[in-house]
N, C-alpha and C. Protein backbone atom coordinates (compact mmCIF):
# COMPACT_ATOMS: atom_id res chain seq x y z
N MET A 1 -132.08 -9.27 125.09
CA MET A 1 -132.31 -8.82 123.76
C MET A 1 -131.37 -7.75 123.13
N SER A 2 -130.46 -8.05 122.40
CA SER A 2 -129.65 -7.19 121.88
C SER A 2 -130.13 -6.35 120.73
N LYS A 3 -129.77 -5.08 120.55
CA LYS A 3 -130.47 -4.27 119.36
C LYS A 3 -129.79 -4.70 118.03
N LYS A 4 -130.56 -4.50 116.98
CA LYS A 4 -130.13 -4.69 115.66
C LYS A 4 -129.31 -3.56 115.37
N ILE A 5 -128.26 -3.99 114.39
CA ILE A 5 -127.29 -2.98 113.96
C ILE A 5 -127.40 -3.15 112.43
N GLY A 6 -127.36 -2.03 111.85
CA GLY A 6 -127.30 -1.98 110.42
C GLY A 6 -125.87 -1.27 110.12
N LEU A 7 -125.07 -2.23 109.19
CA LEU A 7 -123.89 -1.78 108.79
C LEU A 7 -124.11 -1.59 107.13
N PHE A 8 -123.67 -0.25 107.08
CA PHE A 8 -123.69 0.22 105.68
C PHE A 8 -122.21 0.46 105.12
N TYR A 9 -122.02 0.00 104.06
CA TYR A 9 -120.68 0.27 103.51
C TYR A 9 -120.67 0.35 102.04
N GLY A 10 -119.66 1.03 101.56
CA GLY A 10 -119.40 1.25 100.05
C GLY A 10 -117.91 0.41 100.16
N THR A 11 -117.95 -0.16 98.83
CA THR A 11 -116.44 -0.73 98.74
C THR A 11 -116.00 -0.65 97.11
N GLN A 12 -114.84 -0.63 96.88
CA GLN A 12 -114.28 -0.50 95.46
C GLN A 12 -113.57 -1.68 95.23
N THR A 13 -112.44 -1.84 95.94
CA THR A 13 -111.76 -3.06 95.62
C THR A 13 -112.15 -4.48 96.53
N GLY A 14 -113.12 -4.31 97.43
CA GLY A 14 -113.26 -5.53 97.99
C GLY A 14 -112.77 -5.38 99.62
N LYS A 15 -111.99 -4.73 99.87
CA LYS A 15 -111.38 -4.49 101.15
C LYS A 15 -112.37 -4.09 102.19
N THR A 16 -113.19 -3.00 102.03
CA THR A 16 -114.09 -2.70 102.97
C THR A 16 -115.35 -3.55 103.21
N GLU A 17 -115.72 -4.28 102.14
CA GLU A 17 -116.48 -5.27 102.16
C GLU A 17 -116.00 -6.52 103.06
N SER A 18 -114.81 -6.80 103.07
CA SER A 18 -114.30 -7.81 103.92
C SER A 18 -114.19 -7.47 105.28
N ALA A 19 -113.91 -6.23 105.42
CA ALA A 19 -113.77 -5.74 106.93
C ALA A 19 -115.30 -5.57 107.49
N ALA A 20 -116.13 -5.26 106.52
CA ALA A 20 -117.65 -5.24 107.18
C ALA A 20 -118.06 -6.56 107.57
N GLU A 21 -117.77 -7.60 106.62
CA GLU A 21 -117.91 -9.01 107.04
C GLU A 21 -117.41 -9.51 108.32
N MET A 22 -116.06 -9.05 108.53
CA MET A 22 -115.36 -9.50 109.64
C MET A 22 -116.04 -8.68 110.97
N ILE A 23 -116.35 -7.48 111.01
CA ILE A 23 -117.05 -6.84 111.93
C ILE A 23 -118.51 -7.51 112.21
N ARG A 24 -119.22 -7.80 111.21
CA ARG A 24 -120.41 -8.54 111.40
C ARG A 24 -120.33 -9.87 111.94
N ASP A 25 -119.12 -10.52 111.64
CA ASP A 25 -119.08 -11.91 112.26
C ASP A 25 -118.58 -11.84 113.69
N GLU A 26 -117.65 -10.65 113.90
CA GLU A 26 -117.42 -10.68 115.36
C GLU A 26 -118.50 -10.21 116.22
N PHE A 27 -119.69 -9.47 115.86
CA PHE A 27 -120.89 -9.09 116.62
C PHE A 27 -121.85 -10.43 116.55
N GLY A 28 -121.75 -10.88 115.55
CA GLY A 28 -122.87 -12.35 115.25
C GLY A 28 -123.68 -11.87 114.12
N SER A 29 -123.76 -12.73 113.22
CA SER A 29 -124.64 -12.26 111.91
C SER A 29 -125.95 -12.04 112.23
N ASN A 30 -126.56 -12.54 113.41
CA ASN A 30 -128.06 -12.46 113.97
C ASN A 30 -128.18 -10.98 114.48
N VAL A 31 -127.01 -10.25 114.67
CA VAL A 31 -127.18 -8.90 115.34
C VAL A 31 -126.94 -7.76 114.36
N VAL A 32 -126.06 -8.29 113.29
CA VAL A 32 -125.72 -7.16 112.29
C VAL A 32 -126.12 -7.54 110.94
N THR A 33 -126.81 -6.58 110.40
CA THR A 33 -127.18 -6.60 108.95
C THR A 33 -126.42 -5.63 107.83
N LEU A 34 -125.66 -6.34 106.99
CA LEU A 34 -124.82 -5.63 105.90
C LEU A 34 -125.82 -5.08 104.94
N HIS A 35 -125.26 -3.81 104.57
CA HIS A 35 -126.05 -2.96 103.49
C HIS A 35 -125.09 -2.39 102.49
N ASP A 36 -125.10 -2.93 101.33
CA ASP A 36 -124.12 -2.35 100.12
C ASP A 36 -124.76 -1.11 99.71
N MET A 37 -123.97 -0.09 99.98
CA MET A 37 -124.34 1.38 99.49
C MET A 37 -124.75 1.48 98.18
N SER A 38 -124.35 0.64 97.27
CA SER A 38 -124.87 0.64 95.93
C SER A 38 -126.28 0.18 95.78
N LYS A 39 -126.65 -0.17 96.75
CA LYS A 39 -128.19 -0.70 96.73
C LYS A 39 -129.07 -0.21 97.77
N VAL A 40 -128.68 0.97 98.38
CA VAL A 40 -129.28 1.44 99.63
C VAL A 40 -130.11 2.72 99.32
N GLU A 41 -131.25 2.68 99.93
CA GLU A 41 -132.21 3.66 99.87
C GLU A 41 -132.24 4.40 101.23
N ALA A 42 -132.66 5.87 101.39
CA ALA A 42 -132.51 6.51 102.41
C ALA A 42 -133.31 5.60 103.45
N SER A 43 -134.43 5.24 103.29
CA SER A 43 -135.27 4.74 104.21
C SER A 43 -134.70 3.47 104.86
N ASP A 44 -133.57 2.84 104.41
CA ASP A 44 -133.16 1.63 104.94
C ASP A 44 -132.39 2.02 106.39
N PHE A 45 -132.19 3.31 106.55
CA PHE A 45 -131.51 3.61 108.01
C PHE A 45 -132.40 3.80 108.93
N ASP A 46 -133.76 3.74 108.68
CA ASP A 46 -134.81 3.88 109.58
C ASP A 46 -134.89 3.00 110.53
N GLU A 47 -134.84 1.70 110.19
CA GLU A 47 -134.94 0.67 110.99
C GLU A 47 -133.80 0.25 112.10
N TYR A 48 -132.69 1.00 112.39
CA TYR A 48 -131.96 0.86 113.20
C TYR A 48 -131.63 1.90 114.12
N GLU A 49 -131.32 1.53 115.41
CA GLU A 49 -130.86 2.59 116.38
C GLU A 49 -129.45 2.82 116.46
N CYS A 50 -128.82 1.66 115.95
CA CYS A 50 -127.42 1.76 116.19
C CYS A 50 -126.96 1.44 114.63
N LEU A 51 -125.82 2.15 114.06
CA LEU A 51 -125.45 2.10 112.71
C LEU A 51 -123.90 2.03 112.76
N ILE A 52 -123.29 1.28 111.70
CA ILE A 52 -121.76 1.31 111.52
C ILE A 52 -121.95 1.62 109.98
N ILE A 53 -120.98 2.64 109.82
CA ILE A 53 -120.82 3.23 108.58
C ILE A 53 -119.34 2.83 108.04
N GLY A 54 -119.20 2.10 106.90
CA GLY A 54 -118.01 1.99 106.48
C GLY A 54 -117.60 2.41 104.95
N CYS A 55 -116.53 3.18 104.92
CA CYS A 55 -116.15 3.82 103.68
C CYS A 55 -114.58 3.76 103.39
N PRO A 56 -114.12 3.39 102.48
CA PRO A 56 -112.61 3.77 102.02
C PRO A 56 -112.51 5.01 101.66
N THR A 57 -111.23 5.57 101.99
CA THR A 57 -110.98 6.81 101.36
C THR A 57 -110.27 6.78 100.02
N TRP A 58 -111.00 7.33 98.96
CA TRP A 58 -110.73 7.00 97.52
C TRP A 58 -109.91 8.15 96.87
N ASN A 59 -109.13 7.95 96.09
CA ASN A 59 -108.15 8.98 95.31
C ASN A 59 -107.44 9.77 96.38
N ILE A 60 -107.62 11.14 96.32
CA ILE A 60 -106.97 12.04 97.36
C ILE A 60 -108.15 12.51 98.29
N GLY A 61 -108.24 11.78 99.34
CA GLY A 61 -109.23 12.25 100.35
C GLY A 61 -110.83 12.26 99.96
N GLU A 62 -111.12 11.38 99.02
CA GLU A 62 -112.60 11.35 98.45
C GLU A 62 -113.34 10.14 99.13
N LEU A 63 -114.51 10.22 98.98
CA LEU A 63 -115.35 9.32 99.44
C LEU A 63 -115.44 8.20 98.24
N GLN A 64 -115.69 7.08 98.70
CA GLN A 64 -116.03 6.10 97.74
C GLN A 64 -117.21 6.33 96.73
N SER A 65 -117.19 5.86 95.58
CA SER A 65 -118.29 6.31 94.65
C SER A 65 -119.72 6.04 95.16
N ASP A 66 -119.87 4.99 95.60
CA ASP A 66 -121.41 5.02 96.21
C ASP A 66 -121.77 5.59 97.18
N TRP A 67 -120.69 5.89 98.29
CA TRP A 67 -121.17 6.94 99.31
C TRP A 67 -121.24 8.33 98.74
N ASP A 68 -120.18 8.65 97.66
CA ASP A 68 -120.12 10.05 97.04
C ASP A 68 -121.45 10.23 96.49
N GLY A 69 -122.23 9.37 95.62
CA GLY A 69 -123.35 9.27 94.98
C GLY A 69 -124.52 9.43 96.06
N PHE A 70 -124.42 9.01 97.13
CA PHE A 70 -125.50 8.84 98.24
C PHE A 70 -125.38 10.15 98.96
N PHE A 71 -124.36 10.62 99.27
CA PHE A 71 -123.89 11.90 100.14
C PHE A 71 -124.92 13.00 100.14
N PRO A 72 -125.64 13.56 99.02
CA PRO A 72 -126.57 14.55 99.03
C PRO A 72 -127.86 14.10 100.03
N GLU A 73 -128.08 12.74 99.67
CA GLU A 73 -129.55 12.20 100.35
C GLU A 73 -129.16 12.26 101.91
N LEU A 74 -128.17 12.27 102.49
CA LEU A 74 -127.85 12.26 103.91
C LEU A 74 -128.56 13.43 104.41
N ASP A 75 -128.68 14.43 103.56
CA ASP A 75 -129.29 15.66 104.31
C ASP A 75 -130.82 15.32 104.60
N ASP A 76 -131.42 14.60 104.05
CA ASP A 76 -132.79 14.24 104.14
C ASP A 76 -132.89 12.99 105.15
N ILE A 77 -132.10 12.46 105.97
CA ILE A 77 -132.39 11.65 106.85
C ILE A 77 -132.05 11.91 108.31
N ASP A 78 -132.89 11.80 109.29
CA ASP A 78 -132.88 12.18 110.70
C ASP A 78 -132.26 11.06 111.34
N PHE A 79 -131.13 11.36 111.68
CA PHE A 79 -130.43 10.53 112.49
C PHE A 79 -130.35 10.71 114.07
N SER A 80 -131.26 11.80 114.41
CA SER A 80 -131.22 11.72 115.87
C SER A 80 -131.78 10.50 116.59
N GLY A 81 -130.94 10.38 117.82
CA GLY A 81 -131.22 9.30 118.54
C GLY A 81 -130.73 7.92 118.18
N LYS A 82 -129.79 8.19 116.98
CA LYS A 82 -129.25 6.89 116.47
C LYS A 82 -127.74 7.16 117.05
N LEU A 83 -127.14 5.83 117.46
CA LEU A 83 -125.68 5.71 117.90
C LEU A 83 -125.06 5.39 116.47
N VAL A 84 -123.89 5.99 115.99
CA VAL A 84 -123.30 5.64 114.84
C VAL A 84 -121.82 5.62 115.02
N ALA A 85 -121.34 4.39 114.71
CA ALA A 85 -119.89 4.12 114.61
C ALA A 85 -119.52 4.18 113.07
N TYR A 86 -118.05 4.41 113.05
CA TYR A 86 -117.47 4.42 111.79
C TYR A 86 -116.20 3.69 111.60
N PHE A 87 -116.10 2.99 110.37
CA PHE A 87 -114.66 2.51 110.07
C PHE A 87 -114.33 2.71 108.88
N GLY A 88 -113.24 2.70 108.44
CA GLY A 88 -112.67 3.03 107.18
C GLY A 88 -111.32 2.26 106.78
N THR A 89 -111.33 1.89 105.54
CA THR A 89 -109.95 1.36 105.02
C THR A 89 -109.32 2.37 104.33
N GLY A 90 -107.72 2.50 104.35
CA GLY A 90 -106.95 3.31 103.71
C GLY A 90 -105.67 3.25 103.60
N ASP A 91 -104.74 3.96 103.07
CA ASP A 91 -103.39 3.55 103.09
C ASP A 91 -102.51 4.80 103.69
N GLN A 92 -102.04 4.57 104.84
CA GLN A 92 -101.44 5.78 105.60
C GLN A 92 -100.14 6.05 105.06
N ILE A 93 -99.45 5.34 104.18
CA ILE A 93 -98.29 5.40 103.87
C ILE A 93 -98.18 6.34 102.41
N GLY A 94 -99.10 5.63 101.50
CA GLY A 94 -99.36 6.25 100.10
C GLY A 94 -100.12 7.72 100.25
N TYR A 95 -101.00 7.80 101.33
CA TYR A 95 -101.86 8.81 101.18
C TYR A 95 -101.77 9.41 102.67
N ALA A 96 -100.43 9.82 103.05
CA ALA A 96 -100.36 10.24 104.53
C ALA A 96 -101.31 11.61 104.86
N ASP A 97 -101.33 12.31 103.80
CA ASP A 97 -101.96 13.68 104.07
C ASP A 97 -103.44 13.47 104.03
N ASN A 98 -104.09 12.65 103.62
CA ASN A 98 -105.46 12.44 103.85
C ASN A 98 -106.01 10.96 104.59
N PHE A 99 -105.12 10.36 105.16
CA PHE A 99 -105.62 9.00 105.69
C PHE A 99 -106.91 9.19 106.37
N GLN A 100 -107.78 8.18 105.82
CA GLN A 100 -109.11 7.95 106.42
C GLN A 100 -109.97 9.49 106.41
N ASP A 101 -109.74 10.17 105.52
CA ASP A 101 -110.68 11.34 105.33
C ASP A 101 -112.11 11.02 105.28
N ALA A 102 -112.55 9.79 104.48
CA ALA A 102 -113.85 9.52 104.16
C ALA A 102 -114.68 9.62 105.53
N ILE A 103 -114.22 8.73 106.36
CA ILE A 103 -115.06 8.58 107.52
C ILE A 103 -115.24 9.89 108.45
N GLY A 104 -114.07 10.75 108.16
CA GLY A 104 -114.16 12.31 108.85
C GLY A 104 -115.30 12.91 108.21
N ILE A 105 -115.47 12.89 106.94
CA ILE A 105 -116.40 13.63 105.95
C ILE A 105 -117.75 13.03 106.35
N LEU A 106 -118.17 11.71 106.40
CA LEU A 106 -119.41 11.05 106.82
C LEU A 106 -119.78 11.38 108.06
N GLU A 107 -118.66 11.30 109.08
CA GLU A 107 -119.08 11.61 110.49
C GLU A 107 -119.66 12.89 110.79
N GLU A 108 -118.74 14.00 110.03
CA GLU A 108 -119.17 15.48 110.12
C GLU A 108 -120.73 15.47 109.71
N LYS A 109 -121.02 14.93 108.57
CA LYS A 109 -122.40 15.13 107.92
C LYS A 109 -123.47 14.44 108.74
N ILE A 110 -123.13 13.26 109.26
CA ILE A 110 -124.23 12.56 110.01
C ILE A 110 -124.52 13.12 111.42
N SER A 111 -123.23 13.66 111.80
CA SER A 111 -123.62 14.35 113.23
C SER A 111 -124.45 15.48 112.87
N GLU A 112 -124.06 16.33 111.80
CA GLU A 112 -125.03 17.63 111.59
C GLU A 112 -126.65 17.11 111.49
N GLN A 113 -126.55 15.92 111.03
CA GLN A 113 -128.21 15.47 110.78
C GLN A 113 -128.65 14.66 112.20
N GLY A 114 -127.80 14.87 113.53
CA GLY A 114 -128.47 14.46 114.76
C GLY A 114 -127.60 12.93 115.25
N GLY A 115 -126.99 12.30 114.35
CA GLY A 115 -126.27 11.03 114.76
C GLY A 115 -125.35 11.32 115.97
N LYS A 116 -125.24 10.62 116.91
CA LYS A 116 -124.28 10.49 117.88
C LYS A 116 -123.22 9.57 117.74
N SER A 117 -122.03 10.15 117.53
CA SER A 117 -120.98 9.43 117.24
C SER A 117 -120.21 8.55 118.35
N VAL A 118 -119.99 7.15 118.27
CA VAL A 118 -119.36 6.30 119.09
C VAL A 118 -118.24 5.61 118.38
N GLY A 119 -117.44 4.88 119.19
CA GLY A 119 -116.49 3.88 118.64
C GLY A 119 -115.18 4.87 118.05
N SER A 120 -114.86 5.97 118.84
CA SER A 120 -113.68 6.50 118.46
C SER A 120 -112.36 5.53 118.60
N TRP A 121 -111.18 5.90 118.03
CA TRP A 121 -110.10 4.78 118.11
C TRP A 121 -108.91 5.62 118.23
N SER A 122 -108.00 5.23 118.87
CA SER A 122 -106.60 5.68 119.06
C SER A 122 -105.73 5.85 117.85
N THR A 123 -105.02 7.03 117.71
CA THR A 123 -103.95 7.18 116.39
C THR A 123 -102.79 6.55 116.76
N ASP A 124 -102.77 5.70 117.86
CA ASP A 124 -101.44 5.35 118.33
C ASP A 124 -101.02 4.09 117.35
N GLY A 125 -99.89 3.96 116.97
CA GLY A 125 -99.60 2.82 115.91
C GLY A 125 -99.85 2.96 114.52
N TYR A 126 -100.24 4.24 114.15
CA TYR A 126 -100.42 4.56 112.80
C TYR A 126 -99.29 5.60 112.53
N ASP A 127 -98.94 6.01 111.11
CA ASP A 127 -98.02 6.84 110.62
C ASP A 127 -98.65 7.63 109.43
N PHE A 128 -99.13 8.67 109.68
CA PHE A 128 -99.72 9.66 108.89
C PHE A 128 -99.53 11.07 109.18
N THR A 129 -99.69 11.95 108.26
CA THR A 129 -99.50 13.41 108.46
C THR A 129 -100.83 13.96 108.76
N GLU A 130 -102.08 13.94 107.98
CA GLU A 130 -103.20 14.59 108.24
C GLU A 130 -104.38 13.61 108.06
N SER A 131 -105.53 13.90 108.67
CA SER A 131 -106.83 13.31 108.46
C SER A 131 -107.78 13.97 108.79
N LYS A 132 -108.86 14.21 108.15
CA LYS A 132 -110.13 14.58 108.48
C LYS A 132 -110.67 13.80 109.57
N ALA A 133 -110.37 12.71 109.82
CA ALA A 133 -111.02 11.64 110.58
C ALA A 133 -110.58 11.83 112.06
N VAL A 134 -109.65 12.77 112.32
CA VAL A 134 -109.14 12.79 113.64
C VAL A 134 -109.74 13.95 114.41
N LYS A 135 -110.54 13.95 115.32
CA LYS A 135 -111.11 14.93 116.21
C LYS A 135 -110.68 14.45 117.76
N ASN A 136 -110.51 15.48 118.38
CA ASN A 136 -109.87 15.56 119.77
C ASN A 136 -108.88 14.42 119.99
N GLY A 137 -108.00 14.45 118.82
CA GLY A 137 -106.81 13.38 119.16
C GLY A 137 -106.77 12.05 118.69
N LYS A 138 -108.11 11.80 118.32
CA LYS A 138 -108.62 10.33 117.90
C LYS A 138 -109.03 10.16 116.80
N PHE A 139 -108.97 9.07 115.84
CA PHE A 139 -109.93 8.91 114.74
C PHE A 139 -111.43 8.69 115.39
N VAL A 140 -112.27 9.19 114.48
CA VAL A 140 -113.83 8.91 114.59
C VAL A 140 -114.23 7.81 114.68
N GLY A 141 -113.33 6.73 114.41
CA GLY A 141 -113.79 5.49 114.10
C GLY A 141 -112.68 4.63 113.92
N LEU A 142 -112.96 3.28 113.57
CA LEU A 142 -111.77 2.28 113.36
C LEU A 142 -111.13 2.61 112.02
N ALA A 143 -109.75 2.83 112.06
CA ALA A 143 -108.85 2.93 111.01
C ALA A 143 -108.31 1.60 110.52
N LEU A 144 -108.58 1.23 109.26
CA LEU A 144 -107.82 -0.06 108.97
C LEU A 144 -106.92 0.25 107.81
N ASP A 145 -105.89 -0.30 107.60
CA ASP A 145 -104.91 -0.14 106.56
C ASP A 145 -104.62 -1.53 106.13
N GLU A 146 -105.26 -2.11 105.16
CA GLU A 146 -104.89 -3.32 104.56
C GLU A 146 -103.71 -3.39 103.78
N ASP A 147 -103.19 -2.27 103.02
CA ASP A 147 -101.99 -1.96 102.43
C ASP A 147 -100.95 -2.29 103.21
N ASN A 148 -100.67 -1.66 104.50
CA ASN A 148 -99.69 -1.70 105.14
C ASN A 148 -99.54 -2.29 106.50
N GLN A 149 -100.87 -2.70 106.89
CA GLN A 149 -100.99 -3.13 108.35
C GLN A 149 -102.13 -4.23 108.45
N SER A 150 -101.98 -4.93 107.48
CA SER A 150 -103.04 -6.03 107.41
C SER A 150 -103.09 -6.98 108.60
N ASP A 151 -101.84 -7.20 108.86
CA ASP A 151 -101.42 -8.30 109.97
C ASP A 151 -102.33 -7.85 111.45
N LEU A 152 -102.70 -6.35 111.51
CA LEU A 152 -103.26 -5.80 112.64
C LEU A 152 -104.81 -5.92 112.59
N THR A 153 -105.35 -6.19 111.38
CA THR A 153 -106.91 -6.06 111.22
C THR A 153 -107.68 -6.80 111.89
N LYS A 154 -107.52 -7.99 112.11
CA LYS A 154 -108.06 -9.00 113.09
C LYS A 154 -108.33 -8.65 114.51
N GLU A 155 -107.13 -7.98 115.18
CA GLU A 155 -107.07 -7.66 116.53
C GLU A 155 -107.79 -6.58 116.71
N ARG A 156 -107.58 -5.37 115.57
CA ARG A 156 -108.23 -4.12 115.77
C ARG A 156 -109.80 -4.45 115.62
N VAL A 157 -110.28 -5.09 114.72
CA VAL A 157 -111.50 -5.26 114.57
C VAL A 157 -112.12 -6.04 115.88
N LYS A 158 -111.57 -6.95 116.56
CA LYS A 158 -111.89 -7.60 117.67
C LYS A 158 -111.93 -6.49 119.02
N ALA A 159 -111.07 -5.82 118.87
CA ALA A 159 -110.90 -4.86 120.08
C ALA A 159 -112.15 -3.70 119.81
N TRP A 160 -112.26 -3.24 118.56
CA TRP A 160 -113.35 -2.29 118.30
C TRP A 160 -114.70 -2.85 118.62
N VAL A 161 -115.11 -4.00 118.22
CA VAL A 161 -116.35 -4.61 118.33
C VAL A 161 -116.63 -4.53 119.80
N ALA A 162 -115.72 -5.27 120.50
CA ALA A 162 -115.81 -5.18 122.14
C ALA A 162 -116.10 -3.81 122.62
N GLN A 163 -115.47 -2.72 122.28
CA GLN A 163 -115.70 -1.48 122.69
C GLN A 163 -117.14 -0.94 122.13
N LEU A 164 -117.42 -1.22 121.04
CA LEU A 164 -118.76 -0.81 120.47
C LEU A 164 -119.94 -1.62 121.23
N LYS A 165 -119.79 -2.86 121.55
CA LYS A 165 -120.65 -3.48 122.45
C LYS A 165 -121.16 -2.79 123.58
N LYS A 166 -120.08 -2.30 124.21
CA LYS A 166 -120.26 -1.34 125.68
C LYS A 166 -121.26 -0.10 125.12
N GLU A 167 -120.46 0.60 123.97
CA GLU A 167 -121.24 1.95 123.53
C GLU A 167 -122.56 1.81 123.10
N PHE A 168 -122.68 0.72 122.36
CA PHE A 168 -124.17 0.49 121.84
C PHE A 168 -125.22 -0.01 122.84
N GLY A 169 -124.50 -0.33 123.98
CA GLY A 169 -125.42 -1.17 125.05
C GLY A 169 -126.00 -2.33 124.47
N SER A 170 -125.45 -2.85 123.64
CA SER A 170 -126.14 -4.15 123.12
C SER A 170 -125.60 -5.57 123.95
């Protein structure tokens, strides 16, 4: 019996939503339930032991608007005992100084609330200057760049989901 996984994503242009659907399909739609952050309530996080958090980095290192609006509510959610993976979409060329900052911001906040981060991802193959999403030399989660490396997205998602299946123990 595999664990149910809640995938919570915010999307502005549809790229993060497409990535969320790709991740869901790789796990199996019977395993992963998608939640659009524009329609989420704090209690929606309660029903899952395993979470996947998806957020594009917007403007200059900012959270996507639905995540930004929800961010204060994260203080009221107990993530203790939950395994949490992160993925983000961003542009490493146009925004090299804050590539994937959004997932770094969310990972820090959710970790403070007891979430255990899983799914870190190598920075190899990326070309950026700085990122709040890099901890101990790796991204805190899957970094996708649909603007410059869309040809790598499918194989990155496939490899990351295989890694998460082990880390989630599902």
